[in-house]
């Protein structure tokens, strides 16, 4: 029998369940330098790799790391949430918006609105501007096109 000090550290696998602290700082774009998320001042977070909680490129940067490790990652936009896609800026008729949110909903630019696709899938867009008969939505991920700096402390790996 080996003691805990004699055993090899547990290494993050592609399907690991993690307990960690992390801080995501935006390294490009209009909000460069701002912190998007930070768990270091509160309770640790949990993350199940392979479940889509983080972008695949961000998860891949965790694989192979040892439990107890503290490190920083610089993730370019293309490996994080992808580059911004101008085709995902789309005008949506007020009729469709009302069908999804109700006629009484009063949205302002910057609001996130959820829609249901014909196949039942849910998706969201950020309202950019309103027109007479339609509203312009940005269906890009909020972090699309943004390089990220991530500080990580791996507290537990299962």
N, C-alpha and C. Protein backbone atom coordinates (compact mmCIF):
# COMPACT_ATOMS: atom_id res chain seq x y z
N UNK A 1 0.84 -1.18 0.00
CA UNK A 1 0.00 0.00 0.00
C UNK A 1 0.89 1.24 0.00
N UNK A 2 0.53 2.20 -0.84
CA UNK A 2 1.32 3.43 -0.91
C UNK A 2 0.63 4.54 -0.14
N UNK A 3 1.42 5.43 0.41
CA UNK A 3 0.85 6.58 1.12
C UNK A 3 0.52 7.65 0.09
N UNK A 4 -0.34 8.62 0.46
CA UNK A 4 -0.69 9.67 -0.48
C UNK A 4 0.52 10.43 -1.00
N UNK A 5 1.58 10.52 -0.22
CA UNK A 5 2.76 11.24 -0.68
C UNK A 5 3.56 10.43 -1.69
N UNK A 6 3.36 9.10 -1.71
CA UNK A 6 4.09 8.24 -2.63
C UNK A 6 3.37 8.07 -3.97
N UNK A 7 2.08 8.39 -4.02
CA UNK A 7 1.32 8.13 -5.24
C UNK A 7 1.53 9.23 -6.26
N UNK A 8 1.37 8.85 -7.50
CA UNK A 8 1.50 9.81 -8.60
C UNK A 8 0.29 10.75 -8.59
N UNK A 9 0.47 11.98 -9.02
CA UNK A 9 -0.67 12.90 -9.05
C UNK A 9 -1.73 12.44 -10.06
N UNK A 10 -2.96 12.80 -9.78
CA UNK A 10 -4.04 12.48 -10.69
C UNK A 10 -3.98 13.48 -11.85
N UNK A 11 -4.07 12.97 -13.05
CA UNK A 11 -3.93 13.79 -14.26
C UNK A 11 -5.30 13.98 -14.91
N UNK A 12 -5.56 15.18 -15.39
CA UNK A 12 -6.82 15.50 -16.06
C UNK A 12 -6.91 14.72 -17.37
N UNK A 13 -8.05 14.03 -17.54
CA UNK A 13 -8.36 13.27 -18.76
C UNK A 13 -9.48 14.00 -19.52
N UNK A 14 -9.73 13.65 -20.78
CA UNK A 14 -10.77 14.35 -21.56
C UNK A 14 -12.18 14.26 -20.98
N UNK A 15 -12.42 13.32 -20.07
CA UNK A 15 -13.76 13.20 -19.47
C UNK A 15 -13.74 13.43 -17.96
N UNK A 16 -12.69 14.06 -17.45
CA UNK A 16 -12.55 14.28 -16.01
C UNK A 16 -13.60 15.26 -15.49
N UNK A 17 -13.88 15.10 -14.20
CA UNK A 17 -14.74 16.01 -13.46
C UNK A 17 -13.80 16.81 -12.56
N UNK A 18 -13.80 18.14 -12.69
CA UNK A 18 -12.84 18.97 -12.00
C UNK A 18 -13.49 19.87 -10.96
N UNK A 19 -12.78 20.10 -9.88
CA UNK A 19 -13.08 21.16 -8.95
C UNK A 19 -11.91 22.13 -9.09
N UNK A 20 -12.21 23.40 -9.35
CA UNK A 20 -11.16 24.34 -9.66
C UNK A 20 -11.58 25.77 -9.34
N UNK A 21 -10.58 26.61 -9.24
CA UNK A 21 -10.78 28.05 -9.28
C UNK A 21 -10.27 28.51 -10.63
N UNK A 22 -10.95 29.49 -11.22
CA UNK A 22 -10.48 30.03 -12.49
C UNK A 22 -10.87 31.50 -12.60
N UNK A 23 -10.08 32.21 -13.38
CA UNK A 23 -10.35 33.60 -13.71
C UNK A 23 -10.16 33.73 -15.22
N UNK A 24 -11.17 34.26 -15.89
CA UNK A 24 -11.08 34.49 -17.33
C UNK A 24 -11.01 35.99 -17.56
N UNK A 25 -9.89 36.42 -18.14
CA UNK A 25 -9.70 37.83 -18.48
C UNK A 25 -9.75 37.98 -20.00
N UNK A 26 -10.41 39.01 -20.47
CA UNK A 26 -10.50 39.28 -21.90
C UNK A 26 -9.23 39.98 -22.34
N UNK A 27 -8.53 39.41 -23.31
CA UNK A 27 -7.25 39.96 -23.76
C UNK A 27 -7.35 40.71 -25.08
N UNK A 28 -8.53 40.80 -25.66
CA UNK A 28 -8.70 41.57 -26.89
C UNK A 28 -10.15 42.05 -26.95
N UNK A 29 -10.45 42.83 -27.95
CA UNK A 29 -11.80 43.33 -28.12
C UNK A 29 -12.03 44.60 -27.32
N UNK A 30 -13.25 45.12 -27.40
CA UNK A 30 -13.56 46.41 -26.75
C UNK A 30 -13.41 46.38 -25.23
N UNK A 31 -13.56 45.22 -24.62
CA UNK A 31 -13.47 45.12 -23.16
C UNK A 31 -12.14 44.52 -22.71
N UNK A 32 -11.09 44.60 -23.55
CA UNK A 32 -9.79 44.00 -23.22
C UNK A 32 -9.33 44.47 -21.85
N UNK A 33 -8.83 43.51 -21.07
CA UNK A 33 -8.34 43.79 -19.73
C UNK A 33 -9.37 43.54 -18.65
N UNK A 34 -10.64 43.43 -19.02
CA UNK A 34 -11.67 43.20 -18.01
C UNK A 34 -11.77 41.71 -17.69
N UNK A 35 -12.30 41.43 -16.51
CA UNK A 35 -12.47 40.05 -16.05
C UNK A 35 -13.90 39.62 -16.37
N UNK A 36 -14.02 38.51 -17.09
CA UNK A 36 -15.33 37.97 -17.48
C UNK A 36 -15.91 37.10 -16.37
N UNK A 37 -15.07 36.30 -15.73
CA UNK A 37 -15.52 35.41 -14.66
C UNK A 37 -14.36 35.18 -13.71
N UNK A 38 -14.66 35.06 -12.40
CA UNK A 38 -13.61 34.86 -11.41
C UNK A 38 -14.19 34.10 -10.21
N UNK A 39 -13.69 32.89 -9.96
CA UNK A 39 -14.16 32.11 -8.82
C UNK A 39 -13.19 32.16 -7.64
N UNK A 40 -12.05 32.83 -7.80
CA UNK A 40 -11.03 32.82 -6.74
C UNK A 40 -11.49 33.48 -5.45
N UNK A 41 -12.41 34.42 -5.53
CA UNK A 41 -12.88 35.11 -4.33
C UNK A 41 -14.09 34.43 -3.69
N UNK A 42 -14.53 33.32 -4.24
CA UNK A 42 -15.71 32.64 -3.71
C UNK A 42 -15.51 31.15 -3.66
N UNK A 43 -16.59 30.43 -3.85
CA UNK A 43 -16.54 28.97 -3.86
C UNK A 43 -15.90 28.47 -5.14
N UNK A 44 -15.20 27.34 -5.08
CA UNK A 44 -14.64 26.78 -6.30
C UNK A 44 -15.75 26.34 -7.25
N UNK A 45 -15.40 26.27 -8.50
CA UNK A 45 -16.33 25.83 -9.54
C UNK A 45 -16.12 24.35 -9.82
N UNK A 46 -17.10 23.75 -10.48
CA UNK A 46 -16.96 22.38 -10.97
C UNK A 46 -17.11 22.41 -12.48
N UNK A 47 -16.42 21.50 -13.12
CA UNK A 47 -16.42 21.45 -14.58
C UNK A 47 -16.33 19.99 -15.01
N UNK A 48 -17.29 19.53 -15.81
CA UNK A 48 -17.26 18.19 -16.37
C UNK A 48 -16.75 18.32 -17.80
N UNK A 49 -15.54 17.88 -18.06
CA UNK A 49 -14.98 17.98 -19.41
C UNK A 49 -15.80 17.13 -20.38
N UNK A 50 -15.88 17.60 -21.60
CA UNK A 50 -16.60 16.88 -22.64
C UNK A 50 -18.10 17.13 -22.66
N UNK A 51 -18.59 18.01 -21.79
CA UNK A 51 -20.03 18.28 -21.72
C UNK A 51 -20.40 19.64 -22.31
N UNK A 52 -19.43 20.36 -22.87
CA UNK A 52 -19.72 21.64 -23.50
C UNK A 52 -19.81 22.82 -22.56
N UNK A 53 -19.37 22.66 -21.31
CA UNK A 53 -19.40 23.78 -20.39
C UNK A 53 -18.38 24.84 -20.76
N UNK A 54 -17.24 24.42 -21.24
CA UNK A 54 -16.21 25.32 -21.77
C UNK A 54 -16.01 24.94 -23.23
N UNK A 55 -15.46 25.87 -24.00
CA UNK A 55 -15.15 25.60 -25.40
C UNK A 55 -14.13 24.46 -25.48
N UNK A 56 -14.21 23.64 -26.55
CA UNK A 56 -13.29 22.50 -26.67
C UNK A 56 -11.81 22.87 -26.55
N UNK A 57 -11.40 23.98 -27.15
CA UNK A 57 -9.99 24.39 -27.06
C UNK A 57 -9.56 24.75 -25.66
N UNK A 58 -10.50 25.31 -24.89
CA UNK A 58 -10.21 25.64 -23.49
C UNK A 58 -10.08 24.37 -22.66
N UNK A 59 -10.99 23.42 -22.89
CA UNK A 59 -10.92 22.14 -22.17
C UNK A 59 -9.64 21.39 -22.53
N UNK A 60 -9.28 21.38 -23.80
CA UNK A 60 -8.09 20.66 -24.24
C UNK A 60 -6.83 21.17 -23.54
N UNK A 61 -6.81 22.46 -23.21
CA UNK A 61 -5.65 23.04 -22.53
C UNK A 61 -5.54 22.56 -21.08
N UNK A 62 -6.60 21.97 -20.54
CA UNK A 62 -6.57 21.43 -19.18
C UNK A 62 -6.11 19.97 -19.14
N UNK A 63 -6.35 19.24 -20.22
CA UNK A 63 -6.02 17.82 -20.28
C UNK A 63 -4.51 17.64 -20.12
N UNK A 64 -4.14 16.68 -19.26
CA UNK A 64 -2.73 16.39 -19.02
C UNK A 64 -2.16 17.13 -17.82
N UNK A 65 -2.93 18.06 -17.26
CA UNK A 65 -2.48 18.80 -16.08
C UNK A 65 -2.71 17.97 -14.82
N UNK A 66 -1.89 18.19 -13.82
CA UNK A 66 -1.97 17.42 -12.58
C UNK A 66 -2.83 18.11 -11.54
N UNK A 67 -3.55 17.30 -10.78
CA UNK A 67 -4.31 17.82 -9.65
C UNK A 67 -3.37 18.62 -8.75
N UNK A 68 -3.84 19.78 -8.29
CA UNK A 68 -3.03 20.65 -7.45
C UNK A 68 -2.24 21.69 -8.23
N UNK A 69 -2.21 21.58 -9.55
CA UNK A 69 -1.45 22.53 -10.36
C UNK A 69 -2.11 23.90 -10.39
N UNK A 70 -1.28 24.92 -10.47
CA UNK A 70 -1.72 26.30 -10.69
C UNK A 70 -1.00 26.79 -11.93
N UNK A 71 -1.74 27.34 -12.88
CA UNK A 71 -1.12 27.75 -14.14
C UNK A 71 -2.00 28.79 -14.83
N UNK A 72 -1.43 29.39 -15.85
CA UNK A 72 -2.15 30.36 -16.68
C UNK A 72 -2.11 29.90 -18.12
N UNK A 73 -3.17 30.23 -18.85
CA UNK A 73 -3.30 29.86 -20.26
C UNK A 73 -3.65 31.10 -21.07
N UNK A 74 -3.07 31.22 -22.23
CA UNK A 74 -3.48 32.23 -23.20
C UNK A 74 -4.13 31.49 -24.36
N UNK A 75 -5.42 31.73 -24.54
CA UNK A 75 -6.20 31.00 -25.55
C UNK A 75 -6.65 31.99 -26.62
N UNK A 76 -6.16 31.83 -27.87
CA UNK A 76 -6.62 32.72 -28.94
C UNK A 76 -8.11 32.47 -29.24
N UNK A 77 -8.77 33.50 -29.73
CA UNK A 77 -10.21 33.44 -30.00
C UNK A 77 -10.60 32.20 -30.80
N UNK A 78 -9.83 31.87 -31.82
CA UNK A 78 -10.17 30.74 -32.69
C UNK A 78 -10.21 29.43 -31.92
N UNK A 79 -9.43 29.30 -30.83
CA UNK A 79 -9.43 28.07 -30.03
C UNK A 79 -10.40 28.16 -28.86
N UNK A 80 -10.89 29.35 -28.57
CA UNK A 80 -11.83 29.53 -27.46
C UNK A 80 -13.25 29.43 -28.03
N UNK A 81 -13.88 30.55 -28.29
CA UNK A 81 -15.26 30.53 -28.78
C UNK A 81 -15.36 30.91 -30.26
N UNK A 82 -14.23 30.86 -30.96
CA UNK A 82 -14.22 31.09 -32.39
C UNK A 82 -14.17 32.57 -32.75
N UNK A 83 -13.95 32.81 -34.01
CA UNK A 83 -13.96 34.17 -34.52
C UNK A 83 -15.40 34.63 -34.68
N UNK A 84 -15.61 35.93 -34.65
CA UNK A 84 -16.95 36.47 -34.87
C UNK A 84 -17.37 36.17 -36.31
N UNK A 85 -18.60 35.77 -36.48
CA UNK A 85 -19.15 35.45 -37.79
C UNK A 85 -20.18 36.52 -38.16
N UNK A 86 -19.88 37.35 -39.16
CA UNK A 86 -20.82 38.42 -39.52
C UNK A 86 -22.18 37.88 -39.99
N UNK A 87 -22.22 36.63 -40.45
CA UNK A 87 -23.49 36.04 -40.87
C UNK A 87 -24.43 35.77 -39.70
N UNK A 88 -23.89 35.83 -38.48
CA UNK A 88 -24.72 35.60 -37.30
C UNK A 88 -25.33 36.89 -36.75
N UNK A 89 -25.16 37.99 -37.47
CA UNK A 89 -25.91 39.22 -37.20
C UNK A 89 -27.12 39.15 -38.13
N UNK A 90 -28.31 38.99 -37.55
CA UNK A 90 -29.50 38.75 -38.38
C UNK A 90 -30.69 39.57 -37.90
N UNK A 91 -31.44 40.05 -38.87
CA UNK A 91 -32.70 40.72 -38.58
C UNK A 91 -33.76 39.65 -38.36
N UNK A 92 -34.54 39.81 -37.29
CA UNK A 92 -35.61 38.89 -36.96
C UNK A 92 -36.90 39.71 -36.89
N UNK A 93 -37.94 39.21 -37.56
CA UNK A 93 -39.19 39.96 -37.57
C UNK A 93 -39.75 40.10 -36.16
N UNK A 94 -40.44 41.18 -35.92
CA UNK A 94 -41.07 41.39 -34.61
C UNK A 94 -42.08 40.28 -34.32
N UNK A 95 -42.70 39.74 -35.37
CA UNK A 95 -43.65 38.64 -35.19
C UNK A 95 -42.96 37.43 -34.56
N UNK A 96 -41.79 37.08 -35.07
CA UNK A 96 -41.05 35.93 -34.52
C UNK A 96 -40.61 36.22 -33.09
N UNK A 97 -40.15 37.44 -32.83
CA UNK A 97 -39.74 37.80 -31.46
C UNK A 97 -40.93 37.67 -30.52
N UNK A 98 -42.07 38.19 -30.93
CA UNK A 98 -43.27 38.12 -30.09
C UNK A 98 -43.73 36.67 -29.87
N UNK A 99 -43.59 35.81 -30.90
CA UNK A 99 -43.95 34.40 -30.75
C UNK A 99 -43.09 33.72 -29.70
N UNK A 100 -41.84 34.15 -29.58
CA UNK A 100 -40.90 33.53 -28.64
C UNK A 100 -40.94 34.16 -27.25
N UNK A 101 -41.21 35.46 -27.19
CA UNK A 101 -41.11 36.15 -25.90
C UNK A 101 -42.43 36.73 -25.41
N UNK A 102 -43.42 36.79 -26.26
CA UNK A 102 -44.69 37.41 -25.89
C UNK A 102 -44.76 38.84 -26.39
N UNK A 103 -45.94 39.27 -26.76
CA UNK A 103 -46.13 40.60 -27.34
C UNK A 103 -45.81 41.70 -26.34
N UNK A 104 -45.93 41.41 -25.06
CA UNK A 104 -45.71 42.44 -24.04
C UNK A 104 -44.25 42.65 -23.68
N UNK A 105 -43.37 41.79 -24.16
CA UNK A 105 -41.95 41.89 -23.82
C UNK A 105 -41.37 43.18 -24.41
N UNK A 106 -40.69 43.92 -23.59
CA UNK A 106 -40.05 45.15 -24.03
C UNK A 106 -38.55 45.02 -23.96
N UNK A 107 -37.92 44.78 -25.07
CA UNK A 107 -36.48 44.56 -25.09
C UNK A 107 -35.74 45.85 -25.44
N UNK A 108 -34.56 45.96 -24.86
CA UNK A 108 -33.67 47.08 -25.12
C UNK A 108 -32.37 46.53 -25.72
N UNK A 109 -31.67 47.33 -26.55
CA UNK A 109 -30.37 46.86 -27.04
C UNK A 109 -29.48 46.41 -25.89
N UNK A 110 -28.85 45.27 -26.09
CA UNK A 110 -28.01 44.65 -25.07
C UNK A 110 -28.70 43.49 -24.37
N UNK A 111 -30.03 43.39 -24.48
CA UNK A 111 -30.76 42.29 -23.87
C UNK A 111 -30.51 40.99 -24.63
N UNK A 112 -30.42 39.88 -23.90
CA UNK A 112 -30.31 38.57 -24.52
C UNK A 112 -31.71 37.98 -24.61
N UNK A 113 -32.05 37.48 -25.79
CA UNK A 113 -33.38 36.93 -26.04
C UNK A 113 -33.22 35.49 -26.50
N UNK A 114 -34.02 34.59 -25.92
CA UNK A 114 -33.99 33.18 -26.31
C UNK A 114 -35.05 32.91 -27.35
N UNK A 115 -34.70 32.05 -28.29
CA UNK A 115 -35.60 31.63 -29.36
C UNK A 115 -35.66 30.12 -29.39
N UNK A 116 -36.76 29.60 -29.95
CA UNK A 116 -36.89 28.16 -30.16
C UNK A 116 -36.91 27.91 -31.67
N UNK A 117 -35.99 27.07 -32.12
CA UNK A 117 -35.92 26.72 -33.53
C UNK A 117 -37.05 25.75 -33.86
N UNK A 118 -37.39 25.59 -35.14
CA UNK A 118 -38.44 24.64 -35.53
C UNK A 118 -38.20 23.23 -35.02
N UNK A 119 -36.92 22.84 -34.84
CA UNK A 119 -36.62 21.49 -34.34
C UNK A 119 -36.67 21.41 -32.81
N UNK A 120 -37.03 22.51 -32.15
CA UNK A 120 -37.14 22.53 -30.70
C UNK A 120 -35.89 22.98 -29.97
N UNK A 121 -34.78 23.12 -30.69
CA UNK A 121 -33.54 23.57 -30.05
C UNK A 121 -33.69 25.02 -29.59
N UNK A 122 -33.02 25.35 -28.47
CA UNK A 122 -33.05 26.71 -27.95
C UNK A 122 -31.75 27.41 -28.32
N UNK A 123 -31.84 28.67 -28.67
CA UNK A 123 -30.65 29.46 -28.94
C UNK A 123 -30.94 30.89 -28.52
N UNK A 124 -29.88 31.69 -28.35
CA UNK A 124 -30.05 33.04 -27.86
C UNK A 124 -29.26 34.02 -28.70
N UNK A 125 -29.75 35.24 -28.73
CA UNK A 125 -29.08 36.32 -29.43
C UNK A 125 -29.16 37.59 -28.61
N UNK A 126 -28.19 38.46 -28.81
CA UNK A 126 -28.18 39.76 -28.12
C UNK A 126 -28.78 40.79 -29.07
N UNK A 127 -29.78 41.51 -28.59
CA UNK A 127 -30.42 42.55 -29.38
C UNK A 127 -29.45 43.70 -29.59
N UNK A 128 -29.22 44.04 -30.85
CA UNK A 128 -28.32 45.13 -31.19
C UNK A 128 -29.06 46.42 -31.52
N UNK A 129 -30.16 46.31 -32.29
CA UNK A 129 -30.96 47.49 -32.61
C UNK A 129 -32.36 47.07 -33.02
N UNK A 130 -33.27 48.01 -32.95
CA UNK A 130 -34.65 47.74 -33.33
C UNK A 130 -35.04 48.58 -34.53
N UNK A 131 -35.82 47.98 -35.41
CA UNK A 131 -36.36 48.67 -36.57
C UNK A 131 -37.87 48.65 -36.50
N UNK A 132 -38.51 49.19 -37.50
CA UNK A 132 -39.98 49.28 -37.52
C UNK A 132 -40.62 47.89 -37.45
N UNK A 133 -40.16 46.96 -38.30
CA UNK A 133 -40.78 45.63 -38.39
C UNK A 133 -39.88 44.49 -37.96
N UNK A 134 -38.62 44.79 -37.60
CA UNK A 134 -37.67 43.73 -37.26
C UNK A 134 -36.66 44.24 -36.25
N UNK A 135 -35.95 43.30 -35.66
CA UNK A 135 -34.90 43.60 -34.68
C UNK A 135 -33.62 42.89 -35.10
N UNK A 136 -32.48 43.60 -34.94
CA UNK A 136 -31.19 43.02 -35.30
C UNK A 136 -30.60 42.33 -34.08
N UNK A 137 -30.29 41.02 -34.24
CA UNK A 137 -29.71 40.22 -33.18
C UNK A 137 -28.32 39.72 -33.58
N UNK A 138 -27.46 39.61 -32.58
CA UNK A 138 -26.14 39.02 -32.76
C UNK A 138 -26.20 37.64 -32.11
N UNK A 139 -26.10 36.60 -32.95
CA UNK A 139 -26.17 35.22 -32.46
C UNK A 139 -24.79 34.61 -32.23
N UNK A 140 -23.72 35.42 -32.31
CA UNK A 140 -22.39 34.95 -31.95
C UNK A 140 -22.33 34.73 -30.44
N UNK A 141 -21.47 33.81 -30.00
CA UNK A 141 -21.22 33.65 -28.57
C UNK A 141 -20.68 34.99 -28.05
N UNK A 142 -21.04 35.40 -26.85
CA UNK A 142 -20.54 36.68 -26.33
C UNK A 142 -19.01 36.80 -26.31
N UNK A 143 -18.30 35.68 -26.24
CA UNK A 143 -16.84 35.72 -26.24
C UNK A 143 -16.23 35.40 -27.60
N UNK A 144 -17.05 35.30 -28.64
CA UNK A 144 -16.51 35.04 -29.99
C UNK A 144 -15.62 36.22 -30.39
N UNK A 145 -14.48 35.89 -30.97
CA UNK A 145 -13.56 36.92 -31.45
C UNK A 145 -12.68 37.51 -30.38
N UNK A 146 -12.71 36.94 -29.17
CA UNK A 146 -11.95 37.50 -28.05
C UNK A 146 -10.87 36.52 -27.61
N UNK A 147 -9.63 37.00 -27.54
CA UNK A 147 -8.54 36.20 -26.97
C UNK A 147 -8.72 36.20 -25.46
N UNK A 148 -8.43 35.07 -24.83
CA UNK A 148 -8.64 34.93 -23.39
C UNK A 148 -7.35 34.60 -22.66
N UNK A 149 -7.25 35.11 -21.45
CA UNK A 149 -6.19 34.72 -20.52
C UNK A 149 -6.91 34.07 -19.34
N UNK A 150 -6.52 32.84 -19.00
CA UNK A 150 -7.20 32.09 -17.95
C UNK A 150 -6.19 31.67 -16.89
N UNK A 151 -6.47 32.03 -15.64
CA UNK A 151 -5.69 31.55 -14.50
C UNK A 151 -6.47 30.40 -13.87
N UNK A 152 -5.78 29.30 -13.57
CA UNK A 152 -6.44 28.09 -13.08
C UNK A 152 -5.70 27.54 -11.86
N UNK A 153 -6.49 27.07 -10.89
CA UNK A 153 -5.98 26.30 -9.78
C UNK A 153 -6.81 25.03 -9.71
N UNK A 154 -6.19 23.89 -10.06
CA UNK A 154 -6.90 22.60 -10.07
C UNK A 154 -6.91 22.02 -8.67
N UNK A 155 -8.07 22.07 -8.02
CA UNK A 155 -8.19 21.61 -6.65
C UNK A 155 -8.45 20.11 -6.56
N UNK A 156 -9.22 19.57 -7.50
CA UNK A 156 -9.56 18.15 -7.47
C UNK A 156 -9.85 17.63 -8.86
N UNK A 157 -9.47 16.38 -9.09
CA UNK A 157 -9.70 15.73 -10.38
C UNK A 157 -10.27 14.35 -10.12
N UNK A 158 -11.44 14.08 -10.72
CA UNK A 158 -12.06 12.76 -10.62
C UNK A 158 -12.19 12.18 -12.02
